[in-house]
Amino acid sequence: MVDALLPAIDTLQSNADLQKAAEAARQGLAATIPLIARKGRASYLGERSRGHADPGAASASLILECLAGDDASTS
């Protein structure tokens, strides 16, 4: 979740709108795909977790997209 939330918070603190924060969260989510999970349930997969988005980051990104409105998912 932190991988998506931190970029979104940083964007909001720079006086950007919620849609830009949702985009920052999507970028944070995308950055989790090449990583190997070290914490949480996905950590049991080890190397097999590489290539998959972090579920917590995906849910945090989705929440921000919903808060930003319908236009956030199409931009």
PDB file of N, CA and C in Angstrom:
ATOM      1  N   MET A   1       0.827  -1.190   0.000  1.00  0.00           N
ATOM      2  CA  MET A   1       0.000   0.000   0.000  1.00  0.00           C
ATOM      3  C   MET A   1       0.869   1.250   0.000  1.00  0.00           C
ATOM      4  N   VAL A   2       1.940   1.165   0.735  1.00  0.00           N
ATOM      5  CA  VAL A   2       2.820   2.321   0.872  1.00  0.00           C
ATOM      6  C   VAL A   2       3.409   2.719  -0.481  1.00  0.00           C
ATOM      7  N   ASP A   3       3.683   1.728  -1.336  1.00  0.00           N
ATOM      8  CA  ASP A   3       4.264   2.017  -2.651  1.00  0.00           C
ATOM      9  C   ASP A   3       3.358   2.905  -3.495  1.00  0.00           C
ATOM     10  N   ALA A   4       2.066   2.821  -3.296  1.00  0.00           N
ATOM     11  CA  ALA A   4       1.124   3.664  -4.031  1.00  0.00           C
ATOM     12  C   ALA A   4       0.773   4.930  -3.248  1.00  0.00           C
ATOM     13  N   LEU A   5       0.665   4.806  -1.939  1.00  0.00           N
ATOM     14  CA  LEU A   5       0.216   5.943  -1.133  1.00  0.00           C
ATOM     15  C   LEU A   5       1.257   7.047  -1.001  1.00  0.00           C
ATOM     16  N   LEU A   6       2.524   6.687  -0.834  1.00  0.00           N
ATOM     17  CA  LEU A   6       3.546   7.731  -0.661  1.00  0.00           C
ATOM     18  C   LEU A   6       3.644   8.669  -1.864  1.00  0.00           C
ATOM     19  N   PRO A   7       3.697   8.157  -3.101  1.00  0.00           N
ATOM     20  CA  PRO A   7       3.728   9.087  -4.234  1.00  0.00           C
ATOM     21  C   PRO A   7       2.459   9.944  -4.319  1.00  0.00           C
ATOM     22  N   ALA A   8       1.328   9.363  -3.956  1.00  0.00           N
ATOM     23  CA  ALA A   8       0.073  10.125  -3.991  1.00  0.00           C
ATOM     24  C   ALA A   8       0.087  11.247  -2.950  1.00  0.00           C
ATOM     25  N   ILE A   9       0.571  10.943  -1.759  1.00  0.00           N
ATOM     26  CA  ILE A   9       0.642  11.955  -0.698  1.00  0.00           C
ATOM     27  C   ILE A   9       1.615  13.059  -1.090  1.00  0.00           C
ATOM     28  N   ASP A  10       2.769  12.678  -1.632  1.00  0.00           N
ATOM     29  CA  ASP A  10       3.735  13.681  -2.076  1.00  0.00           C
ATOM     30  C   ASP A  10       3.125  14.594  -3.127  1.00  0.00           C
ATOM     31  N   THR A  11       2.362  14.024  -4.035  1.00  0.00           N
ATOM     32  CA  THR A  11       1.713  14.818  -5.083  1.00  0.00           C
ATOM     33  C   THR A  11       0.673  15.763  -4.490  1.00  0.00           C
ATOM     34  N   LEU A  12      -0.119  15.266  -3.557  1.00  0.00           N
ATOM     35  CA  LEU A  12      -1.122  16.121  -2.917  1.00  0.00           C
ATOM     36  C   LEU A  12      -0.475  17.245  -2.106  1.00  0.00           C
ATOM     37  N   GLN A  13       0.651  16.957  -1.469  1.00  0.00           N
ATOM     38  CA  GLN A  13       1.319  17.987  -0.671  1.00  0.00           C
ATOM     39  C   GLN A  13       1.921  19.083  -1.537  1.00  0.00           C
ATOM     40  N   SER A  14       2.119  18.789  -2.812  1.00  0.00           N
ATOM     41  CA  SER A  14       2.629  19.825  -3.709  1.00  0.00           C
ATOM     42  C   SER A  14       1.486  20.605  -4.360  1.00  0.00           C
ATOM     43  N   ASN A  15       0.328  20.578  -3.711  1.00  0.00           N
ATOM     44  CA  ASN A  15      -0.862  21.326  -4.132  1.00  0.00           C
ATOM     45  C   ASN A  15      -1.425  20.861  -5.464  1.00  0.00           C
ATOM     46  N   ALA A  16      -1.231  19.599  -5.789  1.00  0.00           N
ATOM     47  CA  ALA A  16      -1.821  19.048  -7.012  1.00  0.00           C
ATOM     48  C   ALA A  16      -3.222  18.542  -6.696  1.00  0.00           C
ATOM     49  N   ASP A  17      -3.975  18.257  -7.751  1.00  0.00           N
ATOM     50  CA  ASP A  17      -5.336  17.773  -7.543  1.00  0.00           C
ATOM     51  C   ASP A  17      -5.356  16.255  -7.325  1.00  0.00           C
ATOM     52  N   LEU A  18      -6.523  15.749  -7.020  1.00  0.00           N
ATOM     53  CA  LEU A  18      -6.677  14.338  -6.690  1.00  0.00           C
ATOM     54  C   LEU A  18      -6.422  13.434  -7.895  1.00  0.00           C
ATOM     55  N   GLN A  19      -6.718  13.917  -9.087  1.00  0.00           N
ATOM     56  CA  GLN A  19      -6.458  13.102 -10.276  1.00  0.00           C
ATOM     57  C   GLN A  19      -4.952  12.890 -10.484  1.00  0.00           C
ATOM     58  N   LYS A  20      -4.171  13.917 -10.221  1.00  0.00           N
ATOM     59  CA  LYS A  20      -2.713  13.766 -10.335  1.00  0.00           C
ATOM     60  C   LYS A  20      -2.187  12.838  -9.240  1.00  0.00           C
ATOM     61  N   ALA A  21      -2.795  12.882  -8.071  1.00  0.00           N
ATOM     62  CA  ALA A  21      -2.404  11.969  -6.997  1.00  0.00           C
ATOM     63  C   ALA A  21      -2.739  10.527  -7.370  1.00  0.00           C
ATOM     64  N   ALA A  22      -3.886  10.317  -8.011  1.00  0.00           N
ATOM     65  CA  ALA A  22      -4.265   8.972  -8.459  1.00  0.00           C
ATOM     66  C   ALA A  22      -3.285   8.465  -9.514  1.00  0.00           C
ATOM     67  N   GLU A  23      -2.832   9.344 -10.391  1.00  0.00           N
ATOM     68  CA  GLU A  23      -1.847   8.958 -11.406  1.00  0.00           C
ATOM     69  C   GLU A  23      -0.519   8.593 -10.733  1.00  0.00           C
ATOM     70  N   ALA A  24      -0.122   9.341  -9.725  1.00  0.00           N
ATOM     71  CA  ALA A  24       1.106   9.024  -8.994  1.00  0.00           C
ATOM     72  C   ALA A  24       0.981   7.668  -8.300  1.00  0.00           C
ATOM     73  N   ALA A  25      -0.198   7.367  -7.783  1.00  0.00           N
ATOM     74  CA  ALA A  25      -0.425   6.064  -7.153  1.00  0.00           C
ATOM     75  C   ALA A  25      -0.337   4.944  -8.184  1.00  0.00           C
ATOM     76  N   ARG A  26      -0.865   5.166  -9.383  1.00  0.00           N
ATOM     77  CA  ARG A  26      -0.767   4.154 -10.446  1.00  0.00           C
ATOM     78  C   ARG A  26       0.690   3.911 -10.825  1.00  0.00           C
ATOM     79  N   GLN A  27       1.485   4.969 -10.854  1.00  0.00           N
ATOM     80  CA  GLN A  27       2.904   4.808 -11.164  1.00  0.00           C
ATOM     81  C   GLN A  27       3.620   4.045 -10.052  1.00  0.00           C
ATOM     82  N   GLY A  28       3.247   4.331  -8.807  1.00  0.00           N
ATOM     83  CA  GLY A  28       3.802   3.587  -7.685  1.00  0.00           C
ATOM     84  C   GLY A  28       3.417   2.117  -7.748  1.00  0.00           C
ATOM     85  N   LEU A  29       2.186   1.848  -8.138  1.00  0.00           N
ATOM     86  CA  LEU A  29       1.728   0.468  -8.321  1.00  0.00           C
ATOM     87  C   LEU A  29       2.544  -0.227  -9.396  1.00  0.00           C
ATOM     88  N   ALA A  30       2.746   0.431 -10.518  1.00  0.00           N
ATOM     89  CA  ALA A  30       3.514  -0.159 -11.620  1.00  0.00           C
ATOM     90  C   ALA A  30       4.952  -0.461 -11.187  1.00  0.00           C
ATOM     91  N   ALA A  31       5.476   0.342 -10.288  1.00  0.00           N
ATOM     92  CA  ALA A  31       6.849   0.135  -9.828  1.00  0.00           C
ATOM     93  C   ALA A  31       6.993  -1.114  -8.969  1.00  0.00           C
ATOM     94  N   THR A  32       5.887  -1.674  -8.475  1.00  0.00           N
ATOM     95  CA  THR A  32       5.970  -2.885  -7.648  1.00  0.00           C
ATOM     96  C   THR A  32       6.062  -4.159  -8.485  1.00  0.00           C
ATOM     97  N   ILE A  33       5.772  -4.090  -9.755  1.00  0.00           N
ATOM     98  CA  ILE A  33       5.718  -5.295 -10.588  1.00  0.00           C
ATOM     99  C   ILE A  33       7.063  -6.039 -10.653  1.00  0.00           C
ATOM    100  N   PRO A  34       8.195  -5.382 -10.822  1.00  0.00           N
ATOM    101  CA  PRO A  34       9.451  -6.150 -10.897  1.00  0.00           C
ATOM    102  C   PRO A  34      10.023  -6.566  -9.535  1.00  0.00           C
ATOM    103  N   LEU A  35       9.375  -6.192  -8.450  1.00  0.00           N
ATOM    104  CA  LEU A  35       9.915  -6.469  -7.120  1.00  0.00           C
ATOM    105  C   LEU A  35       9.565  -7.870  -6.635  1.00  0.00           C
ATOM    106  N   ILE A  36      10.360  -8.379  -5.715  1.00  0.00           N
ATOM    107  CA  ILE A  36      10.068  -9.629  -5.027  1.00  0.00           C
ATOM    108  C   ILE A  36       9.462  -9.267  -3.674  1.00  0.00           C
ATOM    109  N   ALA A  37       8.307  -9.850  -3.364  1.00  0.00           N
ATOM    110  CA  ALA A  37       7.627  -9.559  -2.103  1.00  0.00           C
ATOM    111  C   ALA A  37       8.463 -10.047  -0.928  1.00  0.00           C
ATOM    112  N   ARG A  38       8.638  -9.202   0.064  1.00  0.00           N
ATOM    113  CA  ARG A  38       9.397  -9.560   1.263  1.00  0.00           C
ATOM    114  C   ARG A  38       8.515  -9.589   2.510  1.00  0.00           C
ATOM    115  N   LYS A  39       7.345  -8.970   2.442  1.00  0.00           N
ATOM    116  CA  LYS A  39       6.425  -8.888   3.582  1.00  0.00           C
ATOM    117  C   LYS A  39       5.042  -9.346   3.131  1.00  0.00           C
ATOM    118  N   GLY A  40       4.216  -9.691   4.092  1.00  0.00           N
ATOM    119  CA  GLY A  40       2.843 -10.056   3.804  1.00  0.00           C
ATOM    120  C   GLY A  40       2.717 -11.458   3.223  1.00  0.00           C
ATOM    121  N   ARG A  41       1.504 -11.788   2.825  1.00  0.00           N
ATOM    122  CA  ARG A  41       1.226 -13.135   2.323  1.00  0.00           C
ATOM    123  C   ARG A  41       1.992 -13.440   1.040  1.00  0.00           C
ATOM    124  N   ALA A  42       2.210 -12.434   0.221  1.00  0.00           N
ATOM    125  CA  ALA A  42       2.923 -12.663  -1.040  1.00  0.00           C
ATOM    126  C   ALA A  42       4.373 -13.067  -0.812  1.00  0.00           C
ATOM    127  N   SER A  43       4.907 -12.810   0.373  1.00  0.00           N
ATOM    128  CA  SER A  43       6.295 -13.163   0.643  1.00  0.00           C
ATOM    129  C   SER A  43       6.517 -14.678   0.595  1.00  0.00           C
ATOM    130  N   TYR A  44       5.466 -15.455   0.794  1.00  0.00           N
ATOM    131  CA  TYR A  44       5.591 -16.914   0.711  1.00  0.00           C
ATOM    132  C   TYR A  44       5.922 -17.375  -0.710  1.00  0.00           C
ATOM    133  N   LEU A  45       5.628 -16.531  -1.685  1.00  0.00           N
ATOM    134  CA  LEU A  45       5.893 -16.887  -3.080  1.00  0.00           C
ATOM    135  C   LEU A  45       7.357 -16.679  -3.461  1.00  0.00           C
ATOM    136  N   GLY A  46       8.047 -15.834  -2.724  1.00  0.00           N
ATOM    137  CA  GLY A  46       9.451 -15.557  -3.020  1.00  0.00           C
ATOM    138  C   GLY A  46       9.630 -15.026  -4.430  1.00  0.00           C
ATOM    139  N   GLU A  47      10.529 -15.645  -5.186  1.00  0.00           N
ATOM    140  CA  GLU A  47      10.851 -15.209  -6.549  1.00  0.00           C
ATOM    141  C   GLU A  47       9.618 -15.210  -7.462  1.00  0.00           C
ATOM    142  N   ARG A  48       8.663 -16.071  -7.192  1.00  0.00           N
ATOM    143  CA  ARG A  48       7.458 -16.145  -8.037  1.00  0.00           C
ATOM    144  C   ARG A  48       6.575 -14.908  -7.920  1.00  0.00           C
ATOM    145  N   SER A  49       6.816 -14.067  -6.909  1.00  0.00           N
ATOM    146  CA  SER A  49       6.027 -12.842  -6.782  1.00  0.00           C
ATOM    147  C   SER A  49       6.475 -11.767  -7.771  1.00  0.00           C
ATOM    148  N   ARG A  50       7.686 -11.941  -8.328  1.00  0.00           N
ATOM    149  CA  ARG A  50       8.195 -10.983  -9.313  1.00  0.00           C
ATOM    150  C   ARG A  50       7.303 -11.049 -10.552  1.00  0.00           C
ATOM    151  N   GLY A  51       6.998  -9.882 -11.097  1.00  0.00           N
ATOM    152  CA  GLY A  51       6.166  -9.831 -12.296  1.00  0.00           C
ATOM    153  C   GLY A  51       4.688  -9.620 -12.003  1.00  0.00           C
ATOM    154  N   HIS A  52       4.337  -9.514 -10.718  1.00  0.00           N
ATOM    155  CA  HIS A  52       2.947  -9.292 -10.323  1.00  0.00           C
ATOM    156  C   HIS A  52       2.865  -8.031  -9.472  1.00  0.00           C
ATOM    157  N   ALA A  53       1.822  -7.268  -9.686  1.00  0.00           N
ATOM    158  CA  ALA A  53       1.629  -6.048  -8.905  1.00  0.00           C
ATOM    159  C   ALA A  53       1.317  -6.403  -7.456  1.00  0.00           C
ATOM    160  N   ASP A  54       1.793  -5.570  -6.545  1.00  0.00           N
ATOM    161  CA  ASP A  54       1.517  -5.761  -5.130  1.00  0.00           C
ATOM    162  C   ASP A  54       0.026  -5.548  -4.875  1.00  0.00           C
ATOM    163  N   PRO A  55      -0.660  -6.499  -4.228  1.00  0.00           N
ATOM    164  CA  PRO A  55      -2.100  -6.362  -4.004  1.00  0.00           C
ATOM    165  C   PRO A  55      -2.480  -5.144  -3.168  1.00  0.00           C
ATOM    166  N   GLY A  56      -1.689  -4.836  -2.163  1.00  0.00           N
ATOM    167  CA  GLY A  56      -1.988  -3.662  -1.335  1.00  0.00           C
ATOM    168  C   GLY A  56      -1.859  -2.372  -2.120  1.00  0.00           C
ATOM    169  N   ALA A  57      -0.823  -2.284  -2.942  1.00  0.00           N
ATOM    170  CA  ALA A  57      -0.647  -1.097  -3.779  1.00  0.00           C
ATOM    171  C   ALA A  57      -1.772  -0.994  -4.804  1.00  0.00           C
ATOM    172  N   ALA A  58      -2.221  -2.144  -5.306  1.00  0.00           N
ATOM    173  CA  ALA A  58      -3.323  -2.136  -6.276  1.00  0.00           C
ATOM    174  C   ALA A  58      -4.604  -1.626  -5.634  1.00  0.00           C
ATOM    175  N   SER A  59      -4.891  -2.064  -4.423  1.00  0.00           N
ATOM    176  CA  SER A  59      -6.112  -1.604  -3.761  1.00  0.00           C
ATOM    177  C   SER A  59      -6.025  -0.126  -3.398  1.00  0.00           C
ATOM    178  N   ALA A  60      -4.867   0.323  -2.942  1.00  0.00           N
ATOM    179  CA  ALA A  60      -4.708   1.742  -2.613  1.00  0.00           C
ATOM    180  C   ALA A  60      -4.857   2.603  -3.864  1.00  0.00           C
ATOM    181  N   SER A  61      -4.292   2.155  -4.964  1.00  0.00           N
ATOM    182  CA  SER A  61      -4.406   2.887  -6.219  1.00  0.00           C
ATOM    183  C   SER A  61      -5.861   2.940  -6.683  1.00  0.00           C
ATOM    184  N   LEU A  62      -6.562   1.826  -6.560  1.00  0.00           N
ATOM    185  CA  LEU A  62      -7.968   1.774  -6.967  1.00  0.00           C
ATOM    186  C   LEU A  62      -8.821   2.721  -6.128  1.00  0.00           C
ATOM    187  N   ILE A  63      -8.567   2.769  -4.839  1.00  0.00           N
ATOM    188  CA  ILE A  63      -9.313   3.680  -3.959  1.00  0.00           C
ATOM    189  C   ILE A  63      -9.091   5.123  -4.389  1.00  0.00           C
ATOM    190  N   LEU A  64      -7.849   5.483  -4.670  1.00  0.00           N
ATOM    191  CA  LEU A  64      -7.563   6.856  -5.095  1.00  0.00           C
ATOM    192  C   LEU A  64      -8.198   7.164  -6.445  1.00  0.00           C
ATOM    193  N   GLU A  65      -8.211   6.195  -7.355  1.00  0.00           N
ATOM    194  CA  GLU A  65      -8.881   6.400  -8.638  1.00  0.00           C
ATOM    195  C   GLU A  65     -10.364   6.653  -8.440  1.00  0.00           C
ATOM    196  N   CYS A  66     -10.989   5.906  -7.543  1.00  0.00           N
ATOM    197  CA  CYS A  66     -12.412   6.093  -7.266  1.00  0.00           C
ATOM    198  C   CYS A  66     -12.683   7.462  -6.648  1.00  0.00           C
ATOM    199  N   LEU A  67     -11.805   7.884  -5.752  1.00  0.00           N
ATOM    200  CA  LEU A  67     -11.966   9.199  -5.136  1.00  0.00           C
ATOM    201  C   LEU A  67     -11.797  10.322  -6.155  1.00  0.00           C
ATOM    202  N   ALA A  68     -10.913  10.101  -7.125  1.00  0.00           N
ATOM    203  CA  ALA A  68     -10.644  11.131  -8.123  1.00  0.00           C
ATOM    204  C   ALA A  68     -11.768  11.221  -9.151  1.00  0.00           C
ATOM    205  N   GLY A  69     -12.560  10.180  -9.283  1.00  0.00           N
ATOM    206  CA  GLY A  69     -13.656  10.189 -10.244  1.00  0.00           C
ATOM    207  C   GLY A  69     -13.363   9.321 -11.446  1.00  0.00           C
ATOM    208  N   ASP A  70     -14.314   9.228 -12.334  1.00  0.00           N
ATOM    209  CA  ASP A  70     -14.240   8.335 -13.496  1.00  0.00           C
ATOM    210  C   ASP A  70     -13.113   8.689 -14.445  1.00  0.00           C
ATOM    211  N   ASP A  71     -12.746   9.955 -14.543  1.00  0.00           N
ATOM    212  CA  ASP A  71     -11.741  10.370 -15.503  1.00  0.00           C
ATOM    213  C   ASP A  71     -10.336   9.861 -15.167  1.00  0.00           C
ATOM    214  N   ALA A  72     -10.089   9.530 -13.903  1.00  0.00           N
ATOM    215  CA  ALA A  72      -8.743   9.129 -13.481  1.00  0.00           C
ATOM    216  C   ALA A  72      -8.302   7.830 -14.140  1.00  0.00           C
ATOM    217  N   SER A  73      -9.217   6.897 -14.357  1.00  0.00           N
ATOM    218  CA  SER A  73      -8.816   5.610 -14.905  1.00  0.00           C
ATOM    219  C   SER A  73      -8.638   5.646 -16.407  1.00  0.00           C
ATOM    220  N   THR A  74      -9.046   6.710 -17.073  1.00  0.00           N
ATOM    221  CA  THR A  74      -8.931   6.798 -18.517  1.00  0.00           C
ATOM    222  C   THR A  74      -7.801   7.702 -18.972  1.00  0.00           C
ATOM    223  N   SER A  75      -7.157   8.390 -18.033  1.00  0.00           N
ATOM    224  CA  SER A  75      -6.093   9.316 -18.441  1.00  0.00           C
ATOM    225  C   SER A  75      -4.761   8.648 -18.537  1.00  0.00           C
TER     226      SER A  75
END
